[in-house]
Protein backbone atom coordinates (compact mmCIF):
# COMPACT_ATOMS: atom_id res chain seq x y z
CA MET A 1 6.28 11.80 -38.46
CA ALA A 2 6.22 15.04 -36.97
CA GLN A 3 9.34 17.13 -37.39
CA ASP A 4 11.14 18.41 -34.55
CA ARG A 5 11.60 22.11 -33.55
CA ILE A 6 14.45 23.62 -31.72
CA GLU A 7 14.12 24.88 -28.19
CA ARG A 8 16.86 26.37 -26.13
CA ASP A 9 17.93 26.28 -22.47
CA SER A 10 21.04 27.23 -20.64
CA LEU A 11 23.01 24.29 -22.44
CA GLY A 12 21.90 25.80 -25.87
CA PRO A 13 19.70 24.33 -28.76
CA MET A 14 17.99 21.16 -28.36
CA PRO A 15 15.56 19.40 -30.83
CA VAL A 16 12.12 18.67 -29.49
CA PRO A 17 9.27 16.88 -31.24
CA ALA A 18 7.08 19.66 -33.03
CA ASP A 19 3.92 18.66 -31.21
CA ALA A 20 5.26 18.28 -27.73
CA LEU A 21 4.21 20.67 -24.97
CA TYR A 22 7.48 20.11 -23.11
CA ALA A 23 10.73 21.87 -24.11
CA ALA A 24 14.50 21.55 -24.05
CA GLN A 25 15.14 20.22 -20.58
CA THR A 26 12.53 17.48 -20.78
CA ALA A 27 13.89 16.47 -24.26
CA ARG A 28 17.34 16.35 -22.72
CA ALA A 29 16.17 14.09 -20.08
CA VAL A 30 14.32 11.80 -22.33
CA ASP A 31 17.59 11.55 -24.38
CA ASN A 32 19.66 11.00 -21.23
CA PHE A 33 17.87 8.49 -19.48
CA PRO A 34 16.50 5.67 -21.73
CA ILE A 35 16.66 3.25 -18.90
CA SER A 36 13.30 1.48 -18.00
CA GLY A 37 10.56 2.88 -20.13
CA TRP A 38 8.60 3.69 -16.81
CA PRO A 39 7.46 7.30 -16.76
CA MET A 40 6.70 8.80 -13.34
CA PRO A 41 3.49 7.73 -11.73
CA ALA A 42 0.49 9.60 -12.74
CA GLU A 43 -0.49 10.45 -9.22
CA PHE A 44 2.89 11.84 -8.63
CA ILE A 45 2.72 14.25 -11.86
CA ALA A 46 -0.82 15.33 -10.60
CA ALA A 47 0.79 16.12 -7.27
CA VAL A 48 3.36 18.40 -8.77
CA ALA A 49 0.74 20.27 -10.95
CA ARG A 50 -1.41 20.76 -7.68
CA ILE A 51 1.69 22.43 -6.06
CA LYS A 52 2.08 24.70 -9.30
CA ARG A 53 -1.58 25.46 -9.37
CA ALA A 54 -1.67 26.50 -5.60
CA ALA A 55 1.59 28.53 -6.01
CA ALA A 56 0.11 30.34 -8.90
CA ALA A 57 -2.84 31.23 -6.76
CA VAL A 58 -0.70 32.54 -3.94
CA HIS A 59 1.51 34.68 -6.31
CA LYS A 60 -1.77 36.16 -7.87
CA ALA A 61 -2.90 37.15 -4.51
CA ALA A 62 0.37 38.70 -3.61
CA GLY A 63 0.53 40.48 -6.92
CA ARG A 64 3.69 38.80 -8.26
CA ILE A 65 1.97 37.47 -11.56
CA THR A 66 -0.95 38.96 -13.38
CA PRO A 67 -4.49 37.41 -12.83
CA ASP A 68 -4.50 36.23 -16.52
CA LEU A 69 -1.23 34.53 -16.24
CA ALA A 70 -2.25 32.95 -12.91
CA GLU A 71 -5.50 31.66 -14.29
CA ALA A 72 -3.89 30.23 -17.45
CA ILE A 73 -1.37 28.27 -15.06
CA ALA A 74 -4.01 27.18 -13.00
CA GLN A 75 -6.09 25.86 -15.96
CA ALA A 76 -3.05 24.09 -17.48
CA ALA A 77 -2.42 22.41 -14.03
CA ALA A 78 -5.92 21.53 -13.72
CA GLU A 79 -5.86 19.55 -17.10
CA ILE A 80 -2.93 17.66 -15.88
CA ILE A 81 -4.53 16.78 -12.76
CA GLU A 82 -7.50 15.39 -14.59
CA GLY A 83 -5.11 13.11 -16.56
CA ARG A 84 -4.85 14.99 -19.90
CA HIS A 85 -1.54 15.36 -21.58
CA ARG A 86 -0.44 12.11 -20.03
CA GLY A 87 1.98 11.60 -22.95
CA GLN A 88 3.69 14.82 -22.26
CA PHE A 89 5.45 13.47 -19.27
CA PRO A 90 7.76 10.82 -20.78
CA VAL A 91 10.83 11.21 -18.36
CA ASP A 92 12.15 7.86 -17.00
CA VAL A 93 11.94 6.96 -13.19
CA PHE A 94 15.76 6.48 -13.23
CA GLN A 95 16.80 10.14 -13.88
CA THR A 96 18.51 12.84 -11.93
CA GLY A 97 18.03 11.69 -8.30
CA SER A 98 16.63 15.31 -7.24
CA GLY A 99 13.82 14.67 -9.66
CA THR A 100 14.65 18.02 -11.41
CA SER A 101 13.82 16.63 -14.82
CA THR A 102 10.41 15.76 -13.63
CA ASN A 103 9.84 19.12 -12.10
CA MET A 104 10.95 20.76 -15.13
CA ASN A 105 8.77 18.57 -17.41
CA VAL A 106 5.70 19.81 -15.51
CA ASN A 107 6.95 23.27 -15.58
CA GLU A 108 7.58 23.22 -19.26
CA VAL A 109 4.24 21.68 -20.03
CA ILE A 110 2.19 24.05 -17.94
CA ALA A 111 4.09 27.03 -19.37
CA ALA A 112 3.46 25.85 -22.98
CA ARG A 113 -0.25 25.07 -22.39
CA ALA A 114 -0.66 28.47 -20.30
CA ALA A 115 0.97 30.34 -23.41
CA GLN A 116 -1.56 28.59 -25.67
CA LEU A 117 -4.36 29.79 -23.50
CA THR A 118 -3.23 33.41 -23.05
CA GLY A 119 -1.39 34.09 -26.30
CA ALA A 120 1.36 35.42 -24.18
CA ALA A 121 4.80 34.07 -23.22
CA VAL A 122 4.73 32.04 -20.09
CA HIS A 123 8.33 31.17 -18.51
CA ALA A 124 8.80 27.61 -17.09
CA ASN A 125 11.17 28.93 -14.34
CA ASP A 126 10.34 32.54 -13.74
CA HIS A 127 6.45 32.12 -13.73
CA VAL A 128 5.45 28.43 -13.02
CA ASN A 129 8.51 27.55 -10.77
CA MET A 130 8.40 30.99 -8.98
CA GLY A 131 9.27 30.60 -5.28
CA GLN A 132 10.24 26.92 -5.73
CA SER A 133 13.19 24.46 -6.46
CA SER A 134 12.87 20.89 -7.51
CA ASN A 135 14.48 20.39 -4.09
CA ASP A 136 11.44 21.00 -2.14
CA VAL A 137 8.79 20.58 -4.75
CA ILE A 138 9.68 16.96 -5.44
CA PRO A 139 9.74 15.82 -1.86
CA ALA A 140 6.61 17.78 -1.13
CA ALA A 141 4.92 16.20 -4.10
CA ILE A 142 5.85 12.55 -2.95
CA HIS A 143 4.38 13.43 0.33
CA LEU A 144 1.27 14.91 -1.18
CA ALA A 145 0.72 12.12 -3.62
CA ALA A 146 1.30 9.35 -0.95
CA ALA A 147 -0.97 10.86 1.60
CA MET A 148 -3.70 11.31 -0.62
CA ALA A 149 -3.34 7.89 -2.16
CA ILE A 150 -3.44 6.23 1.14
CA HIS A 151 -6.19 8.50 2.56
CA ASP A 152 -8.59 8.32 -0.63
CA ARG A 153 -8.07 4.80 -1.82
CA LEU A 154 -5.94 2.40 0.50
CA VAL A 155 -7.65 3.32 3.65
CA PRO A 156 -11.26 2.74 2.27
CA ALA A 157 -10.09 -0.60 0.56
CA LEU A 158 -8.75 -1.88 3.79
CA ARG A 159 -11.71 -1.03 5.82
CA ALA A 160 -13.85 -2.84 3.31
CA LEU A 161 -11.51 -5.90 3.67
CA SER A 162 -11.69 -5.66 7.59
CA GLU A 163 -15.54 -5.43 7.30
CA ALA A 164 -15.57 -8.42 5.14
CA LEU A 165 -13.57 -10.43 7.54
CA LYS A 166 -15.54 -9.42 10.50
CA LEU A 167 -18.80 -10.53 8.68
CA LYS A 168 -17.27 -13.92 8.11
CA ALA A 169 -16.13 -13.94 11.86
CA ALA A 170 -19.62 -13.48 12.90
CA ALA A 171 -21.02 -15.92 10.37
CA PHE A 172 -18.46 -18.59 11.38
CA ASP A 173 -18.72 -18.09 15.24
CA SER A 174 -20.69 -21.36 15.80
CA VAL A 175 -18.31 -23.36 13.81
CA LEU A 176 -16.10 -25.34 15.98
CA LYS A 177 -12.61 -26.55 14.67
CA ILE A 178 -9.16 -27.67 15.60
CA GLY A 179 -6.47 -24.81 16.08
CA ARG A 180 -3.08 -25.44 14.75
CA THR A 181 0.52 -24.27 16.03
CA HIS A 182 3.61 -25.32 14.11
CA LEU A 183 1.20 -26.72 11.65
CA MET A 184 0.39 -29.38 14.04
CA ASP A 185 -3.10 -30.16 15.77
CA ALA A 186 -3.60 -27.86 18.72
CA VAL A 187 -6.65 -27.33 20.90
CA PRO A 188 -10.24 -26.56 19.83
CA MET A 189 -11.26 -23.03 18.74
CA ARG A 190 -13.93 -21.33 16.71
CA LEU A 191 -13.62 -20.52 12.97
CA GLY A 192 -15.09 -17.04 13.86
CA GLN A 193 -12.13 -16.49 16.31
CA GLU A 194 -9.76 -17.19 13.49
CA PHE A 195 -11.42 -14.75 11.18
CA SER A 196 -11.55 -12.17 13.96
CA GLY A 197 -7.87 -12.43 14.21
CA PHE A 198 -7.49 -11.67 10.40
CA ALA A 199 -9.64 -8.78 10.81
CA ALA A 200 -7.69 -7.36 13.87
CA GLN A 201 -4.45 -7.55 11.78
CA ILE A 202 -6.00 -5.36 9.18
CA ASP A 203 -7.31 -2.99 11.88
CA ALA A 204 -3.83 -2.55 13.40
CA CYS A 205 -2.61 -1.79 9.74
CA LEU A 206 -5.25 0.92 9.45
CA ALA A 207 -4.12 2.45 12.59
CA GLY A 208 -0.42 2.38 11.49
CA LEU A 209 -1.49 4.09 8.10
CA GLN A 210 -3.17 6.81 10.03
CA ALA A 211 -0.13 7.74 11.74
CA ALA A 212 2.03 7.33 8.52
CA THR A 213 -0.24 9.88 6.77
CA ALA A 214 0.03 12.40 9.52
CA GLY A 215 3.84 12.23 8.87
CA LEU A 216 3.32 12.72 5.08
CA CYS A 217 1.14 15.90 5.62
CA GLU A 218 4.36 17.61 6.55
CA VAL A 219 5.96 18.86 3.28
CA ALA A 220 9.19 20.53 2.23
CA LEU A 221 7.74 23.32 0.48
CA GLY A 222 9.63 26.70 1.37
CA GLY A 223 13.13 25.20 1.69
CA THR A 224 13.90 25.92 -1.98
CA ALA A 225 17.50 24.72 -2.93
CA VAL A 226 19.08 23.55 0.15
CA GLY A 227 16.53 24.38 3.00
CA THR A 228 17.25 28.07 3.75
CA GLY A 229 14.25 29.18 1.60
CA LEU A 230 16.29 31.51 -0.73
CA ASN A 231 14.05 33.11 -3.34
CA ALA A 232 10.69 31.94 -1.67
CA PRO A 233 8.86 34.93 -0.48
CA ALA A 234 7.79 35.15 3.10
CA GLY A 235 4.64 33.26 3.84
CA PHE A 236 4.53 31.55 0.45
CA ALA A 237 4.84 28.02 1.56
CA ALA A 238 2.30 28.28 4.39
CA ALA A 239 0.00 29.86 2.03
CA VAL A 240 0.48 27.15 -0.52
CA CYS A 241 0.00 24.34 1.93
CA LYS A 242 -3.34 25.94 3.12
CA ILE A 243 -4.68 25.45 -0.38
CA LEU A 244 -3.35 22.12 -0.71
CA ALA A 245 -4.86 21.21 2.51
CA VAL A 246 -8.47 22.12 1.36
CA GLU A 247 -7.98 20.19 -2.00
CA ALA A 248 -6.75 17.00 -0.26
CA HIS A 249 -8.97 17.17 2.85
CA LEU A 250 -5.81 16.58 4.70
CA PRO A 251 -3.71 18.78 7.32
CA ILE A 252 -1.07 19.55 4.85
CA HIS A 253 1.61 22.02 6.52
CA GLU A 254 4.95 23.39 5.97
CA ALA A 255 7.96 21.44 7.54
CA GLY A 256 9.25 22.52 10.93
CA ASN A 257 12.85 22.00 9.65
CA HIS A 258 13.53 22.17 5.96
CA PHE A 259 16.84 20.75 6.21
CA ALA A 260 15.69 17.57 7.41
CA ALA A 261 12.65 17.49 5.27
CA GLN A 262 15.05 17.77 2.09
CA SER A 263 17.88 15.72 3.17
CA ALA A 264 16.01 12.90 5.04
CA PRO A 265 12.92 11.29 3.64
CA ALA A 266 11.86 9.81 6.97
CA ALA A 267 8.26 10.25 6.58
CA ALA A 268 8.34 8.40 3.42
CA LEU A 269 10.54 5.64 4.97
CA ALA A 270 8.14 5.33 7.67
CA ALA A 271 5.14 5.24 5.47
CA SER A 272 6.89 2.54 3.37
CA GLY A 273 7.48 0.45 6.36
CA THR A 274 3.89 0.65 7.38
CA LEU A 275 2.92 -0.47 3.79
CA ARG A 276 5.31 -3.32 4.22
CA SER A 277 3.56 -4.41 7.44
CA THR A 278 0.31 -4.08 5.67
CA ALA A 279 1.43 -6.16 2.85
CA LEU A 280 2.74 -8.95 5.19
CA ALA A 281 -0.49 -9.03 7.07
CA MET A 282 -2.49 -9.32 4.00
CA GLY A 283 -0.05 -12.06 2.88
CA ARG A 284 -0.33 -14.10 6.00
CA ILE A 285 -4.02 -14.02 5.93
CA ALA A 286 -4.12 -15.04 2.28
CA SER A 287 -1.69 -17.84 3.22
CA ASP A 288 -3.66 -19.19 6.08
CA ILE A 289 -6.92 -19.02 4.04
CA ARG A 290 -5.29 -20.86 1.23
CA LEU A 291 -4.13 -23.66 3.62
CA LEU A 292 -7.49 -23.96 5.31
CA ALA A 293 -9.05 -24.46 1.92
CA SER A 294 -6.59 -26.94 0.71
CA GLY A 295 -7.84 -29.97 -0.77
CA PRO A 296 -10.80 -30.27 -1.42
CA ARG A 297 -10.33 -34.00 -0.41
CA CYS A 298 -6.68 -34.55 0.60
CA GLY A 299 -5.94 -31.31 2.35
CA LEU A 300 -7.50 -29.30 5.45
CA ALA A 301 -10.69 -28.39 3.36
CA GLU A 302 -12.24 -26.62 6.36
CA LEU A 303 -13.06 -23.71 4.05
CA ARG A 304 -14.51 -23.73 0.44
CA LEU A 305 -13.26 -20.65 -1.65
CA PRO A 306 -15.21 -19.15 -4.63
CA ALA A 307 -14.43 -21.26 -7.78
CA LEU A 308 -13.24 -18.42 -10.18
CA GLN A 309 -11.41 -20.30 -12.92
CA PRO A 310 -10.08 -23.61 -14.20
CA GLY A 311 -6.90 -24.29 -12.21
CA SER A 312 -5.06 -26.57 -14.53
CA SER A 313 -4.37 -27.11 -18.18
CA ILE A 314 -3.85 -30.86 -17.64
CA MET A 315 -6.06 -31.69 -14.48
CA PRO A 316 -9.68 -31.51 -15.35
CA GLY A 317 -12.00 -30.23 -12.52
CA LYS A 318 -8.95 -28.65 -10.53
CA VAL A 319 -9.74 -25.19 -9.04
CA ASN A 320 -6.94 -23.13 -7.27
CA PRO A 321 -6.94 -20.44 -4.62
CA VAL A 322 -6.05 -17.74 -7.30
CA ILE A 323 -7.02 -14.67 -5.37
CA CYS A 324 -5.03 -15.83 -2.39
CA GLU A 325 -2.01 -16.34 -4.69
CA SER A 326 -2.39 -12.90 -6.14
CA VAL A 327 -2.51 -11.31 -2.77
CA ILE A 328 0.91 -13.24 -1.72
CA GLN A 329 2.42 -12.09 -4.73
CA VAL A 330 1.48 -8.50 -4.05
CA ALA A 331 2.94 -8.87 -0.53
CA CYS A 332 6.22 -10.00 -1.97
CA GLN A 333 6.32 -7.13 -4.34
CA VAL A 334 5.62 -4.38 -1.70
CA VAL A 335 8.27 -5.90 0.37
CA GLY A 336 10.53 -5.32 -2.51
CA CYS A 337 9.33 -1.70 -2.92
CA ASP A 338 10.19 -1.10 0.78
CA ALA A 339 13.72 -2.32 0.19
CA ALA A 340 14.12 -0.07 -2.66
CA ILE A 341 12.99 2.86 -0.40
CA ALA A 342 15.05 1.81 2.45
CA ALA A 343 18.13 1.87 -0.01
CA GLY A 344 17.22 5.15 -1.48
CA ALA A 345 17.03 6.72 2.14
CA THR A 346 20.29 5.34 3.16
CA GLY A 347 23.37 7.92 3.50
CA GLY A 348 25.87 7.14 0.58
CA VAL A 349 23.07 5.87 -1.54
CA GLY A 350 20.28 8.50 -1.65
CA SER A 351 20.69 10.95 1.27
CA ILE A 352 23.69 12.93 0.59
CA LEU A 353 24.03 16.10 2.78
CA GLN A 354 21.34 18.73 1.95
CA LEU A 355 19.40 16.70 -0.52
CA ASN A 356 18.11 13.19 -0.99
CA VAL A 357 19.04 12.17 -4.51
CA ALA A 358 16.85 9.00 -4.88
CA MET A 359 13.45 10.80 -4.95
CA PRO A 360 12.00 9.40 -8.15
CA LEU A 361 12.81 5.96 -6.99
CA ILE A 362 11.15 6.69 -3.52
CA ALA A 363 8.14 8.23 -5.19
CA THR A 364 7.47 5.53 -7.67
CA ASN A 365 8.03 2.59 -5.29
CA LEU A 366 5.78 4.31 -2.51
CA LEU A 367 2.84 4.93 -4.99
CA THR A 368 3.43 1.43 -6.46
CA ALA A 369 3.16 -0.18 -3.19
CA ILE A 370 -0.10 1.77 -2.26
CA ASN A 371 -1.86 1.07 -5.59
CA LEU A 372 -0.83 -2.62 -5.31
CA LEU A 373 -2.16 -2.94 -1.75
CA THR A 374 -5.35 -0.82 -2.73
CA ASN A 375 -6.23 -3.16 -5.60
CA ALA A 376 -5.33 -6.35 -3.97
CA ALA A 377 -7.36 -5.59 -0.88
CA LYS A 378 -10.37 -4.85 -3.11
CA VAL A 379 -10.04 -8.11 -4.89
CA PHE A 380 -9.32 -9.95 -1.90
CA ALA A 381 -12.54 -8.70 -0.11
CA GLU A 382 -14.81 -9.05 -3.08
CA LYS A 383 -13.73 -12.13 -4.90
CA CYS A 384 -12.44 -14.28 -2.09
CA ILE A 385 -13.60 -13.26 1.51
CA ALA A 386 -17.13 -12.57 0.74
CA GLY A 387 -17.75 -15.77 -0.90
CA ILE A 388 -15.87 -18.13 1.57
CA GLU A 389 -17.98 -20.92 3.14
CA ALA A 390 -17.16 -23.17 5.98
CA ASP A 391 -17.19 -27.04 5.68
CA GLU A 392 -18.71 -27.66 9.25
CA LEU A 393 -18.58 -31.39 8.86
CA ARG A 394 -14.98 -31.47 8.04
CA CYS A 395 -14.31 -29.25 11.03
CA ARG A 396 -16.27 -31.61 13.26
CA GLN A 397 -14.36 -34.67 12.15
CA SER A 398 -11.15 -33.06 12.31
CA LEU A 399 -11.87 -32.23 16.06
CA GLU A 400 -12.67 -35.67 16.94
CA GLN A 401 -9.77 -37.23 15.48
CA SER A 402 -7.18 -34.67 17.13
CA LEU A 403 -5.00 -36.01 19.75
CA ALA A 404 -4.82 -32.48 21.19
CA MET A 405 -8.22 -33.00 22.58
CA VAL A 406 -6.60 -34.74 25.51
CA THR A 407 -5.26 -31.32 26.67
CA ALA A 408 -8.67 -30.86 28.33
CA LEU A 409 -8.22 -33.94 30.61
CA VAL A 410 -4.88 -32.62 32.09
CA PRO A 411 -6.45 -30.87 35.09
CA ARG A 412 -8.34 -34.12 36.23
CA ILE A 413 -5.78 -36.82 35.45
CA GLY A 414 -2.42 -34.92 34.98
CA TYR A 415 0.05 -34.28 32.18
CA ASP A 416 1.73 -37.68 32.21
CA ALA A 417 -1.50 -39.79 32.15
CA ALA A 418 -2.87 -37.64 29.34
CA ALA A 419 0.16 -38.06 27.42
CA ALA A 420 -0.02 -41.87 27.67
CA ILE A 421 -3.66 -41.69 26.39
CA ALA A 422 -2.42 -39.58 23.44
CA LYS A 423 0.26 -41.90 22.52
CA GLU A 424 -1.86 -44.97 22.71
CA ALA A 425 -4.52 -43.14 20.50
CA SER A 426 -1.97 -42.33 18.10
CA ALA A 427 -0.48 -45.81 17.89
CA SER A 428 -3.94 -47.50 17.62
CA GLY A 429 -5.67 -45.10 15.18
CA LYS A 430 -8.31 -44.49 17.91
CA THR A 431 -9.71 -41.25 19.09
CA ILE A 432 -9.03 -39.70 22.74
CA ARG A 433 -12.69 -40.32 23.52
CA GLN A 434 -12.38 -44.14 22.43
CA VAL A 435 -9.19 -44.70 24.39
CA CYS A 436 -10.76 -42.82 27.54
CA LEU A 437 -13.92 -45.09 27.36
CA GLU A 438 -12.20 -48.29 26.86
CA LYS A 439 -9.69 -47.62 29.71
CA LYS A 440 -12.31 -46.23 31.86
CA VAL A 441 -10.22 -43.39 32.78
CA LEU A 442 -13.19 -41.51 33.70
CA SER A 443 -16.83 -41.85 33.65
CA ALA A 444 -18.66 -41.55 30.32
CA ALA A 445 -20.49 -38.32 31.35
CA ASP A 446 -17.21 -36.79 32.43
CA VAL A 447 -15.44 -37.76 29.30
CA ASP A 448 -18.30 -36.27 27.17
CA LYS A 449 -18.08 -33.06 29.40
CA LEU A 450 -14.41 -32.54 29.15
CA LEU A 451 -14.03 -33.42 25.55
CA ASP A 452 -16.73 -31.17 24.58
CA PRO A 453 -15.05 -28.63 22.17
CA SER A 454 -17.48 -25.91 22.92
CA SER A 455 -16.39 -25.70 26.50
CA GLN A 456 -12.56 -25.66 25.25
CA ALA A 457 -12.92 -23.04 22.53
CA GLY A 458 -13.71 -20.14 24.95
CA SER A 459 -16.25 -17.56 24.79
CA ARG A 460 -18.14 -16.54 21.50
CA LEU A 461 -17.71 -13.33 19.80
């Protein structure tokens, strides 16, 4: 086992693993918070490193640090962004609520790595953290990481899901089926219409995510400790944001009011709400598709899903809607993430005067929700939606058997007479068509015309 070395901070000496790039403050945090074993998300660590790299470039341009030092800090930060040194960020999610431990963890690792690169001393606070505070860096990193994850990964995944649903809507536009409300038979519709409704729900989520991303592009950099900007050079935050905007391909900009930006995580809360809505939409769609595919002989069985794996350890031949079930579970988990974020944004829990103190919790749950939805949307589109087939025979049989077909007769014979026909058909086991013809309520030609499901289902897509 590697022996410890002794590092010092303002509290005194602290043993640190000999091969660690981090120093005393990180080691204290590891010792203080053996809570979950969950380190901060890699995307979040990368976002903090992006801020440090941009800050070094701005300080270099202003002459506040030497070019060699700035370039070493930038290279060290770049290595972290690329995913190197991942084991050097062991601080638990459930740490100090400001995220100071993680900010210092990144500062210490960058300082140590930059010192290796230059051969000169690099100070974690004086150089890497210059012009910054954990209180503006951490909320800024939450916004940056979440905005990039939504823009770069979640939005493309949802667009692909929407397109897959639209392709099925077009393919199924000629398939007539019975609609259902309250899980009971309703009037005829087209299977393509049903899938167009699924696609429209995802499109609405995409619109909401665009608005949420715009809110996340406003970052707290420049506020430092409490929002006053103490020790941040004039123009520093705006210059850093300009660099981040180019890197992220997003309009990253300094917050208009730093006191709000650091005390109230409103944009993160709004983004979480949109993620929750997206999860619920995906869960609803998955639940509906699972129901439409139920059977294959004793359920609705209007859809056939791809057979991906055996469904039972005891029942041979059983195949389950496993992708739908996975998506539904993801939806439940994202609702849980949103609940945690909402609690963390609540006064008396996380938001206390000039600083929210549930930032690591908010960061982790926000990024977890984004990543879960991204992966679930990809799997849903590729392994389920793309392979769905319609059972047109089953759809036609259900149409003919439905008592709700009588609805089309109401304009001709009235509600009460139509209800009597439906009641008799239900009691006798006959179809609406059979009862109408036996009772000669209308001519055979009129019955055929009125009970034609294509005329009841509305226009095609």
